[in-house]
């Protein structure tokens, strides 16, 4: 199975996307909902354009704030590691699931960099 972006309609009638790795695992979800498939595809393009950027590790004390675009690696309230990808305008364009280890979250970010640029977009009914 190839990596792919899947666009589907959410319950509220808007559209969302997810990026899946070659093993079928979800790597990231879009950071927002979109009014149309076309606008959702623009969100996908933003992920492709911004996926090879530096990481701001907010789990380290004294973390230096980096310029956008960037990944932000952080711990959620449950103590799991998560990341979000921010575009050059600071808008969140992709978010991760929770990971038990920082290494797994870092692997997720690297997977976006490997998979997003060439992943086809599939619209799912």
PDB file of N, CA and C in Angstrom:
ATOM      1  N   UNK A   1       0.847  -1.186   0.000  1.00  0.00           N
ATOM      2  CA  UNK A   1       0.000   0.000   0.000  1.00  0.00           C
ATOM      3  C   UNK A   1       0.891   1.248   0.000  1.00  0.00           C
ATOM      4  N   UNK A   2       0.529   2.205  -0.767  1.00  0.00           N
ATOM      5  CA  UNK A   2       1.299   3.447  -0.861  1.00  0.00           C
ATOM      6  C   UNK A   2       0.795   4.461   0.171  1.00  0.00           C
ATOM      7  N   UNK A   3       1.662   5.371   0.543  1.00  0.00           N
ATOM      8  CA  UNK A   3       1.239   6.482   1.398  1.00  0.00           C
ATOM      9  C   UNK A   3       0.195   7.282   0.631  1.00  0.00           C
ATOM     10  N   UNK A   4      -0.713   7.921   1.379  1.00  0.00           N
ATOM     11  CA  UNK A   4      -1.763   8.689   0.706  1.00  0.00           C
ATOM     12  C   UNK A   4      -2.386   9.694   1.665  1.00  0.00           C
ATOM     13  N   UNK A   5      -2.913  10.745   1.077  1.00  0.00           N
ATOM     14  CA  UNK A   5      -3.780  11.670   1.790  1.00  0.00           C
ATOM     15  C   UNK A   5      -5.202  11.230   1.485  1.00  0.00           C
ATOM     16  N   UNK A   6      -6.040  11.151   2.490  1.00  0.00           N
ATOM     17  CA  UNK A   6      -7.461  10.860   2.291  1.00  0.00           C
ATOM     18  C   UNK A   6      -8.270  12.072   2.723  1.00  0.00           C
ATOM     19  N   UNK A   7      -9.145  12.507   1.844  1.00  0.00           N
ATOM     20  CA  UNK A   7     -10.077  13.593   2.145  1.00  0.00           C
ATOM     21  C   UNK A   7     -11.456  12.975   2.298  1.00  0.00           C
ATOM     22  N   UNK A   8     -12.141  13.344   3.372  1.00  0.00           N
ATOM     23  CA  UNK A   8     -13.510  12.846   3.562  1.00  0.00           C
ATOM     24  C   UNK A   8     -14.359  13.933   4.178  1.00  0.00           C
ATOM     25  N   UNK A   9     -15.653  13.769   4.013  1.00  0.00           N
ATOM     26  CA  UNK A   9     -16.593  14.734   4.568  1.00  0.00           C
ATOM     27  C   UNK A   9     -16.845  14.392   6.033  1.00  0.00           C
ATOM     28  N   UNK A  10     -16.746  15.394   6.887  1.00  0.00           N
ATOM     29  CA  UNK A  10     -17.008  15.226   8.313  1.00  0.00           C
ATOM     30  C   UNK A  10     -18.507  15.308   8.575  1.00  0.00           C
ATOM     31  N   UNK A  11     -18.892  14.956   9.770  1.00  0.00           N
ATOM     32  CA  UNK A  11     -20.318  14.977  10.136  1.00  0.00           C
ATOM     33  C   UNK A  11     -20.943  16.361   9.986  1.00  0.00           C
ATOM     34  N   UNK A  12     -20.131  17.409  10.150  1.00  0.00           N
ATOM     35  CA  UNK A  12     -20.667  18.775  10.051  1.00  0.00           C
ATOM     36  C   UNK A  12     -20.789  19.248   8.601  1.00  0.00           C
ATOM     37  N   UNK A  13     -20.462  18.371   7.643  1.00  0.00           N
ATOM     38  CA  UNK A  13     -20.582  18.720   6.228  1.00  0.00           C
ATOM     39  C   UNK A  13     -19.321  19.302   5.633  1.00  0.00           C
ATOM     40  N   UNK A  14     -18.344  19.640   6.474  1.00  0.00           N
ATOM     41  CA  UNK A  14     -17.078  20.159   5.969  1.00  0.00           C
ATOM     42  C   UNK A  14     -16.138  18.990   5.673  1.00  0.00           C
ATOM     43  N   UNK A  15     -14.952  19.306   5.186  1.00  0.00           N
ATOM     44  CA  UNK A  15     -14.010  18.278   4.756  1.00  0.00           C
ATOM     45  C   UNK A  15     -12.755  18.299   5.614  1.00  0.00           C
ATOM     46  N   UNK A  16     -12.195  17.113   5.816  1.00  0.00           N
ATOM     47  CA  UNK A  16     -10.969  16.934   6.590  1.00  0.00           C
ATOM     48  C   UNK A  16     -10.043  16.008   5.810  1.00  0.00           C
ATOM     49  N   UNK A  17      -8.746  16.067   6.152  1.00  0.00           N
ATOM     50  CA  UNK A  17      -7.822  15.117   5.536  1.00  0.00           C
ATOM     51  C   UNK A  17      -6.952  14.450   6.591  1.00  0.00           C
ATOM     52  N   UNK A  18      -6.502  13.257   6.239  1.00  0.00           N
ATOM     53  CA  UNK A  18      -5.532  12.506   7.026  1.00  0.00           C
ATOM     54  C   UNK A  18      -4.435  12.052   6.091  1.00  0.00           C
ATOM     55  N   UNK A  19      -3.216  11.958   6.621  1.00  0.00           N
ATOM     56  CA  UNK A  19      -2.095  11.393   5.879  1.00  0.00           C
ATOM     57  C   UNK A  19      -1.814  10.019   6.463  1.00  0.00           C
ATOM     58  N   UNK A  20      -1.766   9.013   5.590  1.00  0.00           N
ATOM     59  CA  UNK A  20      -1.496   7.636   5.987  1.00  0.00           C
ATOM     60  C   UNK A  20      -0.153   7.192   5.419  1.00  0.00           C
ATOM     61  N   UNK A  21       0.601   6.449   6.232  1.00  0.00           N
ATOM     62  CA  UNK A  21       1.884   5.897   5.802  1.00  0.00           C
ATOM     63  C   UNK A  21       1.642   4.649   4.952  1.00  0.00           C
ATOM     64  N   UNK A  22       2.704   4.106   4.413  1.00  0.00           N
ATOM     65  CA  UNK A  22       2.601   2.912   3.564  1.00  0.00           C
ATOM     66  C   UNK A  22       2.046   1.710   4.318  1.00  0.00           C
ATOM     67  N   UNK A  23       2.179   1.684   5.653  1.00  0.00           N
ATOM     68  CA  UNK A  23       1.648   0.569   6.441  1.00  0.00           C
ATOM     69  C   UNK A  23       0.181   0.780   6.831  1.00  0.00           C
ATOM     70  N   UNK A  24      -0.433   1.858   6.344  1.00  0.00           N
ATOM     71  CA  UNK A  24      -1.840   2.132   6.632  1.00  0.00           C
ATOM     72  C   UNK A  24      -2.074   2.910   7.915  1.00  0.00           C
ATOM     73  N   UNK A  25      -1.013   3.175   8.691  1.00  0.00           N
ATOM     74  CA  UNK A  25      -1.136   3.935   9.932  1.00  0.00           C
ATOM     75  C   UNK A  25      -1.348   5.414   9.632  1.00  0.00           C
ATOM     76  N   UNK A  26      -2.230   6.048  10.370  1.00  0.00           N
ATOM     77  CA  UNK A  26      -2.412   7.496  10.238  1.00  0.00           C
ATOM     78  C   UNK A  26      -1.186   8.188  10.820  1.00  0.00           C
ATOM     79  N   UNK A  27      -0.598   9.095  10.057  1.00  0.00           N
ATOM     80  CA  UNK A  27       0.564   9.855  10.518  1.00  0.00           C
ATOM     81  C   UNK A  27       0.101  11.176  11.113  1.00  0.00           C
ATOM     82  N   UNK A  28      -0.822  11.827  10.437  1.00  0.00           N
ATOM     83  CA  UNK A  28      -1.288  13.145  10.885  1.00  0.00           C
ATOM     84  C   UNK A  28      -2.657  13.432  10.297  1.00  0.00           C
ATOM     85  N   UNK A  29      -3.333  14.358  10.957  1.00  0.00           N
ATOM     86  CA  UNK A  29      -4.629  14.838  10.476  1.00  0.00           C
ATOM     87  C   UNK A  29      -4.497  16.322  10.167  1.00  0.00           C
ATOM     88  N   UNK A  30      -5.350  16.803   9.293  1.00  0.00           N
ATOM     89  CA  UNK A  30      -5.361  18.227   8.996  1.00  0.00           C
ATOM     90  C   UNK A  30      -5.664  19.031  10.247  1.00  0.00           C
ATOM     91  N   UNK A  31      -5.160  20.244  10.313  1.00  0.00           N
ATOM     92  CA  UNK A  31      -5.324  21.074  11.496  1.00  0.00           C
ATOM     93  C   UNK A  31      -6.651  21.805  11.576  1.00  0.00           C
ATOM     94  N   UNK A  32      -7.481  21.672  10.553  1.00  0.00           N
ATOM     95  CA  UNK A  32      -8.770  22.365  10.547  1.00  0.00           C
ATOM     96  C   UNK A  32      -9.739  21.640   9.634  1.00  0.00           C
ATOM     97  N   UNK A  33     -10.979  22.144   9.560  1.00  0.00           N
ATOM     98  CA  UNK A  33     -11.946  21.623   8.596  1.00  0.00           C
ATOM     99  C   UNK A  33     -12.055  22.631   7.459  1.00  0.00           C
ATOM    100  N   UNK A  34     -12.491  22.143   6.315  1.00  0.00           N
ATOM    101  CA  UNK A  34     -12.539  22.960   5.099  1.00  0.00           C
ATOM    102  C   UNK A  34     -13.932  22.913   4.507  1.00  0.00           C
ATOM    103  N   UNK A  35     -14.343  24.000   3.867  1.00  0.00           N
ATOM    104  CA  UNK A  35     -15.688  24.115   3.308  1.00  0.00           C
ATOM    105  C   UNK A  35     -15.885  23.271   2.055  1.00  0.00           C
ATOM    106  N   UNK A  36     -14.798  22.962   1.339  1.00  0.00           N
ATOM    107  CA  UNK A  36     -14.923  22.214   0.087  1.00  0.00           C
ATOM    108  C   UNK A  36     -13.725  21.284  -0.088  1.00  0.00           C
ATOM    109  N   UNK A  37     -13.862  20.344  -1.018  1.00  0.00           N
ATOM    110  CA  UNK A  37     -12.746  19.453  -1.352  1.00  0.00           C
ATOM    111  C   UNK A  37     -11.583  20.275  -1.885  1.00  0.00           C
ATOM    112  N   UNK A  38     -11.869  21.273  -2.715  1.00  0.00           N
ATOM    113  CA  UNK A  38     -10.802  22.109  -3.276  1.00  0.00           C
ATOM    114  C   UNK A  38      -9.994  22.802  -2.183  1.00  0.00           C
ATOM    115  N   UNK A  39     -10.684  23.381  -1.196  1.00  0.00           N
ATOM    116  CA  UNK A  39      -9.954  24.063  -0.130  1.00  0.00           C
ATOM    117  C   UNK A  39      -9.198  23.061   0.747  1.00  0.00           C
ATOM    118  N   UNK A  40      -9.735  21.857   0.900  1.00  0.00           N
ATOM    119  CA  UNK A  40      -9.046  20.804   1.644  1.00  0.00           C
ATOM    120  C   UNK A  40      -7.769  20.393   0.900  1.00  0.00           C
ATOM    121  N   UNK A  41      -7.848  20.319  -0.419  1.00  0.00           N
ATOM    122  CA  UNK A  41      -6.660  19.991  -1.216  1.00  0.00           C
ATOM    123  C   UNK A  41      -5.584  21.074  -1.063  1.00  0.00           C
ATOM    124  N   UNK A  42      -5.994  22.318  -0.883  1.00  0.00           N
ATOM    125  CA  UNK A  42      -5.026  23.391  -0.629  1.00  0.00           C
ATOM    126  C   UNK A  42      -4.328  23.172   0.716  1.00  0.00           C
ATOM    127  N   UNK A  43      -5.063  22.657   1.694  1.00  0.00           N
ATOM    128  CA  UNK A  43      -4.464  22.308   2.984  1.00  0.00           C
ATOM    129  C   UNK A  43      -3.422  21.210   2.828  1.00  0.00           C
ATOM    130  N   UNK A  44      -3.740  20.212   1.999  1.00  0.00           N
ATOM    131  CA  UNK A  44      -2.788  19.141   1.701  1.00  0.00           C
ATOM    132  C   UNK A  44      -1.527  19.724   1.072  1.00  0.00           C
ATOM    133  N   UNK A  45      -1.700  20.629   0.116  1.00  0.00           N
ATOM    134  CA  UNK A  45      -0.543  21.249  -0.549  1.00  0.00           C
ATOM    135  C   UNK A  45       0.314  22.024   0.439  1.00  0.00           C
ATOM    136  N   UNK A  46      -0.311  22.647   1.420  1.00  0.00           N
ATOM    137  CA  UNK A  46       0.442  23.372   2.441  1.00  0.00           C
ATOM    138  C   UNK A  46       1.291  22.413   3.277  1.00  0.00           C
ATOM    139  N   UNK A  47       0.741  21.249   3.593  1.00  0.00           N
ATOM    140  CA  UNK A  47       1.521  20.238   4.320  1.00  0.00           C
ATOM    141  C   UNK A  47       2.708  19.806   3.466  1.00  0.00           C
ATOM    142  N   UNK A  48       2.466  19.528   2.189  1.00  0.00           N
ATOM    143  CA  UNK A  48       3.561  19.131   1.293  1.00  0.00           C
ATOM    144  C   UNK A  48       4.658  20.194   1.260  1.00  0.00           C
ATOM    145  N   UNK A  49       4.245  21.444   1.146  1.00  0.00           N
ATOM    146  CA  UNK A  49       5.191  22.554   1.029  1.00  0.00           C
ATOM    147  C   UNK A  49       5.999  22.771   2.310  1.00  0.00           C
ATOM    148  N   UNK A  50       5.385  22.510   3.461  1.00  0.00           N
ATOM    149  CA  UNK A  50       6.005  22.850   4.741  1.00  0.00           C
ATOM    150  C   UNK A  50       6.507  21.659   5.552  1.00  0.00           C
ATOM    151  N   UNK A  51       6.520  20.461   4.984  1.00  0.00           N
ATOM    152  CA  UNK A  51       6.808  19.264   5.782  1.00  0.00           C
ATOM    153  C   UNK A  51       8.289  19.025   6.064  1.00  0.00           C
ATOM    154  N   UNK A  52       9.175  19.721   5.399  1.00  0.00           N
ATOM    155  CA  UNK A  52      10.617  19.514   5.616  1.00  0.00           C
ATOM    156  C   UNK A  52      11.193  20.709   6.371  1.00  0.00           C
ATOM    157  N   UNK A  53      10.751  20.878   7.617  1.00  0.00           N
ATOM    158  CA  UNK A  53      11.160  22.030   8.407  1.00  0.00           C
ATOM    159  C   UNK A  53      11.730  21.581   9.753  1.00  0.00           C
ATOM    160  N   UNK A  54      12.255  22.530  10.493  1.00  0.00           N
ATOM    161  CA  UNK A  54      12.880  22.242  11.772  1.00  0.00           C
ATOM    162  C   UNK A  54      11.832  21.993  12.864  1.00  0.00           C
ATOM    163  N   UNK A  55      12.324  21.443  13.984  1.00  0.00           N
ATOM    164  CA  UNK A  55      11.461  21.071  15.101  1.00  0.00           C
ATOM    165  C   UNK A  55      11.758  21.962  16.301  1.00  0.00           C
ATOM    166  N   UNK A  56      10.717  22.556  16.831  1.00  0.00           N
ATOM    167  CA  UNK A  56      10.807  23.295  18.091  1.00  0.00           C
ATOM    168  C   UNK A  56      10.382  22.330  19.192  1.00  0.00           C
ATOM    169  N   UNK A  57      11.353  21.851  19.965  1.00  0.00           N
ATOM    170  CA  UNK A  57      11.082  20.847  21.000  1.00  0.00           C
ATOM    171  C   UNK A  57      10.660  21.538  22.290  1.00  0.00           C
ATOM    172  N   UNK A  58       9.357  21.668  22.473  1.00  0.00           N
ATOM    173  CA  UNK A  58       8.811  22.356  23.635  1.00  0.00           C
ATOM    174  C   UNK A  58       8.817  21.488  24.885  1.00  0.00           C
ATOM    175  N   UNK A  59       9.331  20.254  24.782  1.00  0.00           N
ATOM    176  CA  UNK A  59       9.440  19.385  25.952  1.00  0.00           C
ATOM    177  C   UNK A  59      10.743  19.641  26.707  1.00  0.00           C
ATOM    178  N   UNK A  60      11.615  20.465  26.138  1.00  0.00           N
ATOM    179  CA  UNK A  60      12.898  20.789  26.751  1.00  0.00           C
ATOM    180  C   UNK A  60      12.793  22.164  27.395  1.00  0.00           C
ATOM    181  N   UNK A  61      13.224  22.274  28.656  1.00  0.00           N
ATOM    182  CA  UNK A  61      13.138  23.588  29.304  1.00  0.00           C
ATOM    183  C   UNK A  61      14.109  24.541  28.622  1.00  0.00           C
ATOM    184  N   UNK A  62      13.687  25.790  28.509  1.00  0.00           N
ATOM    185  CA  UNK A  62      14.503  26.791  27.839  1.00  0.00           C
ATOM    186  C   UNK A  62      14.498  26.648  26.327  1.00  0.00           C
ATOM    187  N   UNK A  63      13.485  25.996  25.805  1.00  0.00           N
ATOM    188  CA  UNK A  63      13.358  25.785  24.352  1.00  0.00           C
ATOM    189  C   UNK A  63      13.358  27.124  23.622  1.00  0.00           C
ATOM    190  N   UNK A  64      14.176  27.207  22.580  1.00  0.00           N
ATOM    191  CA  UNK A  64      14.230  28.423  21.776  1.00  0.00           C
ATOM    192  C   UNK A  64      13.063  28.441  20.793  1.00  0.00           C
ATOM    193  N   UNK A  65      12.331  29.545  20.746  1.00  0.00           N
ATOM    194  CA  UNK A  65      11.227  29.689  19.793  1.00  0.00           C
ATOM    195  C   UNK A  65      11.813  29.843  18.389  1.00  0.00           C
ATOM    196  N   UNK A  66      11.356  29.019  17.471  1.00  0.00           N
ATOM    197  CA  UNK A  66      11.833  29.051  16.094  1.00  0.00           C
ATOM    198  C   UNK A  66      10.814  29.750  15.210  1.00  0.00           C
ATOM    199  N   UNK A  67      11.280  30.238  14.077  1.00  0.00           N
ATOM    200  CA  UNK A  67      10.402  30.896  13.111  1.00  0.00           C
ATOM    201  C   UNK A  67       9.526  29.867  12.405  1.00  0.00           C
ATOM    202  N   UNK A  68       8.368  30.312  11.935  1.00  0.00           N
ATOM    203  CA  UNK A  68       7.483  29.455  11.126  1.00  0.00           C
ATOM    204  C   UNK A  68       8.040  29.389   9.711  1.00  0.00           C
ATOM    205  N   UNK A  69       7.845  28.334   8.982  1.00  0.00           N
ATOM    206  CA  UNK A  69       7.135  27.107   9.323  1.00  0.00           C
ATOM    207  C   UNK A  69       7.988  26.231  10.241  1.00  0.00           C
ATOM    208  N   UNK A  70       7.310  25.384  11.013  1.00  0.00           N
ATOM    209  CA  UNK A  70       8.009  24.508  11.949  1.00  0.00           C
ATOM    210  C   UNK A  70       7.060  23.441  12.477  1.00  0.00           C
ATOM    211  N   UNK A  71       7.682  22.393  13.023  1.00  0.00           N
ATOM    212  CA  UNK A  71       6.957  21.435  13.844  1.00  0.00           C
ATOM    213  C   UNK A  71       7.102  21.896  15.282  1.00  0.00           C
ATOM    214  N   UNK A  72       6.059  21.749  16.067  1.00  0.00           N
ATOM    215  CA  UNK A  72       6.141  21.967  17.506  1.00  0.00           C
ATOM    216  C   UNK A  72       5.911  20.616  18.174  1.00  0.00           C
ATOM    217  N   UNK A  73       6.909  20.162  18.909  1.00  0.00           N
ATOM    218  CA  UNK A  73       6.832  18.909  19.658  1.00  0.00           C
ATOM    219  C   UNK A  73       6.512  19.275  21.104  1.00  0.00           C
ATOM    220  N   UNK A  74       5.459  18.670  21.676  1.00  0.00           N
ATOM    221  CA  UNK A  74       5.039  19.029  23.029  1.00  0.00           C
ATOM    222  C   UNK A  74       4.420  17.829  23.722  1.00  0.00           C
ATOM    223  N   UNK A  75       4.209  17.964  25.028  1.00  0.00           N
ATOM    224  CA  UNK A  75       3.523  16.942  25.817  1.00  0.00           C
ATOM    225  C   UNK A  75       2.110  17.424  26.100  1.00  0.00           C
ATOM    226  N   UNK A  76       1.134  16.532  25.921  1.00  0.00           N
ATOM    227  CA  UNK A  76      -0.253  16.908  26.206  1.00  0.00           C
ATOM    228  C   UNK A  76      -0.573  16.689  27.687  1.00  0.00           C
ATOM    229  N   UNK A  77      -1.802  16.977  28.066  1.00  0.00           N
ATOM    230  CA  UNK A  77      -2.207  16.872  29.467  1.00  0.00           C
ATOM    231  C   UNK A  77      -2.145  15.447  29.998  1.00  0.00           C
ATOM    232  N   UNK A  78      -2.238  14.468  29.096  1.00  0.00           N
ATOM    233  CA  UNK A  78      -2.159  13.065  29.498  1.00  0.00           C
ATOM    234  C   UNK A  78      -0.709  12.573  29.580  1.00  0.00           C
ATOM    235  N   UNK A  79       0.245  13.465  29.273  1.00  0.00           N
ATOM    236  CA  UNK A  79       1.650  13.087  29.334  1.00  0.00           C
ATOM    237  C   UNK A  79       2.181  12.439  28.074  1.00  0.00           C
ATOM    238  N   UNK A  80       1.380  12.449  26.998  1.00  0.00           N
ATOM    239  CA  UNK A  80       1.830  11.882  25.735  1.00  0.00           C
ATOM    240  C   UNK A  80       2.492  12.953  24.872  1.00  0.00           C
ATOM    241  N   UNK A  81       3.375  12.496  24.001  1.00  0.00           N
ATOM    242  CA  UNK A  81       4.053  13.404  23.080  1.00  0.00           C
ATOM    243  C   UNK A  81       3.205  13.589  21.833  1.00  0.00           C
ATOM    244  N   UNK A  82       3.102  14.822  21.383  1.00  0.00           N
ATOM    245  CA  UNK A  82       2.349  15.169  20.175  1.00  0.00           C
ATOM    246  C   UNK A  82       3.147  16.193  19.393  1.00  0.00           C
ATOM    247  N   UNK A  83       2.759  16.358  18.137  1.00  0.00           N
ATOM    248  CA  UNK A  83       3.351  17.437  17.349  1.00  0.00           C
ATOM    249  C   UNK A  83       2.286  18.081  16.495  1.00  0.00           C
ATOM    250  N   UNK A  84       2.567  19.310  16.122  1.00  0.00           N
ATOM    251  CA  UNK A  84       1.724  20.027  15.173  1.00  0.00           C
ATOM    252  C   UNK A  84       2.665  20.681  14.166  1.00  0.00           C
ATOM    253  N   UNK A  85       2.225  20.718  12.939  1.00  0.00           N
ATOM    254  CA  UNK A  85       2.969  21.367  11.868  1.00  0.00           C
ATOM    255  C   UNK A  85       2.315  22.716  11.610  1.00  0.00           C
ATOM    256  N   UNK A  86       3.137  23.768  11.671  1.00  0.00           N
ATOM    257  CA  UNK A  86       2.621  25.117  11.439  1.00  0.00           C
ATOM    258  C   UNK A  86       3.199  25.673  10.147  1.00  0.00           C
ATOM    259  N   UNK A  87       2.350  26.329   9.382  1.00  0.00           N
ATOM    260  CA  UNK A  87       2.754  26.949   8.118  1.00  0.00           C
ATOM    261  C   UNK A  87       3.519  28.243   8.394  1.00  0.00           C
ATOM    262  N   UNK A  88       3.995  28.867   7.336  1.00  0.00           N
ATOM    263  CA  UNK A  88       4.778  30.098   7.481  1.00  0.00           C
ATOM    264  C   UNK A  88       3.973  31.231   8.120  1.00  0.00           C
ATOM    265  N   UNK A  89       2.642  31.174   8.038  1.00  0.00           N
ATOM    266  CA  UNK A  89       1.797  32.202   8.661  1.00  0.00           C
ATOM    267  C   UNK A  89       1.429  31.850  10.109  1.00  0.00           C
ATOM    268  N   UNK A  90       1.961  30.737  10.625  1.00  0.00           N
ATOM    269  CA  UNK A  90       1.696  30.318  11.998  1.00  0.00           C
ATOM    270  C   UNK A  90       0.452  29.471  12.169  1.00  0.00           C
ATOM    271  N   UNK A  91      -0.282  29.235  11.094  1.00  0.00           N
ATOM    272  CA  UNK A  91      -1.505  28.436  11.145  1.00  0.00           C
ATOM    273  C   UNK A  91      -1.155  26.951  11.291  1.00  0.00           C
ATOM    274  N   UNK A  92      -1.895  26.245  12.141  1.00  0.00           N
ATOM    275  CA  UNK A  92      -1.690  24.801  12.311  1.00  0.00           C
ATOM    276  C   UNK A  92      -2.290  24.096  11.105  1.00  0.00           C
ATOM    277  N   UNK A  93      -1.453  23.330  10.390  1.00  0.00           N
ATOM    278  CA  UNK A  93      -1.919  22.658   9.178  1.00  0.00           C
ATOM    279  C   UNK A  93      -1.961  21.140   9.316  1.00  0.00           C
ATOM    280  N   UNK A  94      -1.329  20.592  10.361  1.00  0.00           N
ATOM    281  CA  UNK A  94      -1.408  19.150  10.611  1.00  0.00           C
ATOM    282  C   UNK A  94      -1.122  18.898  12.084  1.00  0.00           C
ATOM    283  N   UNK A  95      -1.771  17.871  12.623  1.00  0.00           N
ATOM    284  CA  UNK A  95      -1.593  17.490  14.026  1.00  0.00           C
ATOM    285  C   UNK A  95      -1.424  15.975  14.110  1.00  0.00           C
ATOM    286  N   UNK A  96      -0.748  15.546  15.163  1.00  0.00           N
ATOM    287  CA  UNK A  96      -0.509  14.116  15.345  1.00  0.00           C
ATOM    288  C   UNK A  96      -1.437  13.523  16.386  1.00  0.00           C
ATOM    289  N   UNK A  97      -1.388  12.228  16.481  1.00  0.00           N
ATOM    290  CA  UNK A  97      -1.995  11.503  17.590  1.00  0.00           C
ATOM    291  C   UNK A  97      -1.025  11.596  18.768  1.00  0.00           C
ATOM    292  N   UNK A  98      -1.399  11.056  19.916  1.00  0.00           N
ATOM    293  CA  UNK A  98      -0.504  11.007  21.060  1.00  0.00           C
ATOM    294  C   UNK A  98       0.445   9.815  20.949  1.00  0.00           C
ATOM    295  N   UNK A  99       1.691  10.030  21.329  1.00  0.00           N
ATOM    296  CA  UNK A  99       2.709   8.979  21.323  1.00  0.00           C
ATOM    297  C   UNK A  99       3.226   8.788  22.746  1.00  0.00           C
ATOM    298  N   UNK A 100       3.543   7.556  23.100  1.00  0.00           N
ATOM    299  CA  UNK A 100       4.080   7.253  24.427  1.00  0.00           C
ATOM    300  C   UNK A 100       5.509   7.757  24.588  1.00  0.00           C
ATOM    301  N   UNK A 101       6.278   7.798  23.488  1.00  0.00           N
ATOM    302  CA  UNK A 101       7.681   8.209  23.579  1.00  0.00           C
ATOM    303  C   UNK A 101       7.975   9.371  22.632  1.00  0.00           C
ATOM    304  N   UNK A 102       8.973  10.153  23.015  1.00  0.00           N
ATOM    305  CA  UNK A 102       9.406  11.267  22.181  1.00  0.00           C
ATOM    306  C   UNK A 102       9.968  10.736  20.866  1.00  0.00           C
ATOM    307  N   UNK A 103      10.690   9.613  20.925  1.00  0.00           N
ATOM    308  CA  UNK A 103      11.273   9.030  19.713  1.00  0.00           C
ATOM    309  C   UNK A 103      10.192   8.675  18.699  1.00  0.00           C
ATOM    310  N   UNK A 104       9.069   8.153  19.166  1.00  0.00           N
ATOM    311  CA  UNK A 104       7.963   7.805  18.261  1.00  0.00           C
ATOM    312  C   UNK A 104       7.371   9.050  17.621  1.00  0.00           C
ATOM    313  N   UNK A 105       7.232  10.121  18.385  1.00  0.00           N
ATOM    314  CA  UNK A 105       6.717  11.383  17.832  1.00  0.00           C
ATOM    315  C   UNK A 105       7.683  11.920  16.782  1.00  0.00           C
ATOM    316  N   UNK A 106       8.982  11.836  17.056  1.00  0.00           N
ATOM    317  CA  UNK A 106       9.983  12.287  16.080  1.00  0.00           C
ATOM    318  C   UNK A 106       9.920  11.442  14.815  1.00  0.00           C
ATOM    319  N   UNK A 107       9.688  10.138  14.973  1.00  0.00           N
ATOM    320  CA  UNK A 107       9.527   9.268  13.797  1.00  0.00           C
ATOM    321  C   UNK A 107       8.307   9.678  12.989  1.00  0.00           C
ATOM    322  N   UNK A 108       7.236  10.104  13.668  1.00  0.00           N
ATOM    323  CA  UNK A 108       6.036  10.580  12.976  1.00  0.00           C
ATOM    324  C   UNK A 108       6.315  11.805  12.126  1.00  0.00           C
ATOM    325  N   UNK A 109       7.075  12.746  12.679  1.00  0.00           N
ATOM    326  CA  UNK A 109       7.430  13.950  11.917  1.00  0.00           C
ATOM    327  C   UNK A 109       8.290  13.580  10.705  1.00  0.00           C
ATOM    328  N   UNK A 110       9.255  12.690  10.908  1.00  0.00           N
ATOM    329  CA  UNK A 110      10.115  12.253   9.799  1.00  0.00           C
ATOM    330  C   UNK A 110       9.298  11.537   8.730  1.00  0.00           C
ATOM    331  N   UNK A 111       8.288  10.782   9.149  1.00  0.00           N
ATOM    332  CA  UNK A 111       7.430  10.068   8.207  1.00  0.00           C
ATOM    333  C   UNK A 111       6.637  11.030   7.331  1.00  0.00           C
ATOM    334  N   UNK A 112       6.198  12.144   7.907  1.00  0.00           N
ATOM    335  CA  UNK A 112       5.509  13.152   7.092  1.00  0.00           C
ATOM    336  C   UNK A 112       6.461  13.660   6.018  1.00  0.00           C
ATOM    337  N   UNK A 113       7.687  13.964   6.410  1.00  0.00           N
ATOM    338  CA  UNK A 113       8.683  14.455   5.461  1.00  0.00           C
ATOM    339  C   UNK A 113       8.966  13.478   4.335  1.00  0.00           C
ATOM    340  N   UNK A 114       8.959  12.187   4.657  1.00  0.00           N
ATOM    341  CA  UNK A 114       9.202  11.150   3.636  1.00  0.00           C
ATOM    342  C   UNK A 114       7.985  10.903   2.754  1.00  0.00           C
ATOM    343  N   UNK A 115       6.811  10.938   3.334  1.00  0.00           N
ATOM    344  CA  UNK A 115       5.599  10.493   2.628  1.00  0.00           C
ATOM    345  C   UNK A 115       4.767  11.595   1.980  1.00  0.00           C
ATOM    346  N   UNK A 116       4.662  12.753   2.622  1.00  0.00           N
ATOM    347  CA  UNK A 116       3.742  13.788   2.139  1.00  0.00           C
ATOM    348  C   UNK A 116       4.061  14.315   0.736  1.00  0.00           C
ATOM    349  N   UNK A 117       5.333  14.555   0.405  1.00  0.00           N
ATOM    350  CA  UNK A 117       5.594  15.186  -0.901  1.00  0.00           C
ATOM    351  C   UNK A 117       5.042  14.433  -2.111  1.00  0.00           C
ATOM    352  N   UNK A 118       5.049  13.126  -2.087  1.00  0.00           N
ATOM    353  CA  UNK A 118       4.624  12.333  -3.228  1.00  0.00           C
ATOM    354  C   UNK A 118       3.290  11.597  -3.030  1.00  0.00           C
ATOM    355  N   UNK A 119       2.703  11.715  -1.853  1.00  0.00           N
ATOM    356  CA  UNK A 119       1.482  10.964  -1.565  1.00  0.00           C
ATOM    357  C   UNK A 119       0.310  11.487  -2.399  1.00  0.00           C
ATOM    358  N   UNK A 120      -0.384  10.579  -3.084  1.00  0.00           N
ATOM    359  CA  UNK A 120      -1.560  11.020  -3.843  1.00  0.00           C
ATOM    360  C   UNK A 120      -2.707  11.390  -2.907  1.00  0.00           C
ATOM    361  N   UNK A 121      -3.641  12.138  -3.455  1.00  0.00           N
ATOM    362  CA  UNK A 121      -4.841  12.527  -2.701  1.00  0.00           C
ATOM    363  C   UNK A 121      -6.001  11.677  -3.184  1.00  0.00           C
ATOM    364  N   UNK A 122      -6.677  11.048  -2.218  1.00  0.00           N
ATOM    365  CA  UNK A 122      -7.833  10.226  -2.516  1.00  0.00           C
ATOM    366  C   UNK A 122      -9.032  10.816  -1.789  1.00  0.00           C
ATOM    367  N   UNK A 123     -10.121  11.071  -2.511  1.00  0.00           N
ATOM    368  CA  UNK A 123     -11.343  11.558  -1.884  1.00  0.00           C
ATOM    369  C   UNK A 123     -12.212  10.338  -1.582  1.00  0.00           C
ATOM    370  N   UNK A 124     -12.540  10.180  -0.310  1.00  0.00           N
ATOM    371  CA  UNK A 124     -13.308   9.016   0.158  1.00  0.00           C
ATOM    372  C   UNK A 124     -14.745   9.427   0.400  1.00  0.00           C
ATOM    373  N   UNK A 125     -15.671   8.614  -0.097  1.00  0.00           N
ATOM    374  CA  UNK A 125     -17.106   8.905   0.110  1.00  0.00           C
ATOM    375  C   UNK A 125     -17.538   8.533   1.510  1.00  0.00           C
TER     376      UNK A 125
END
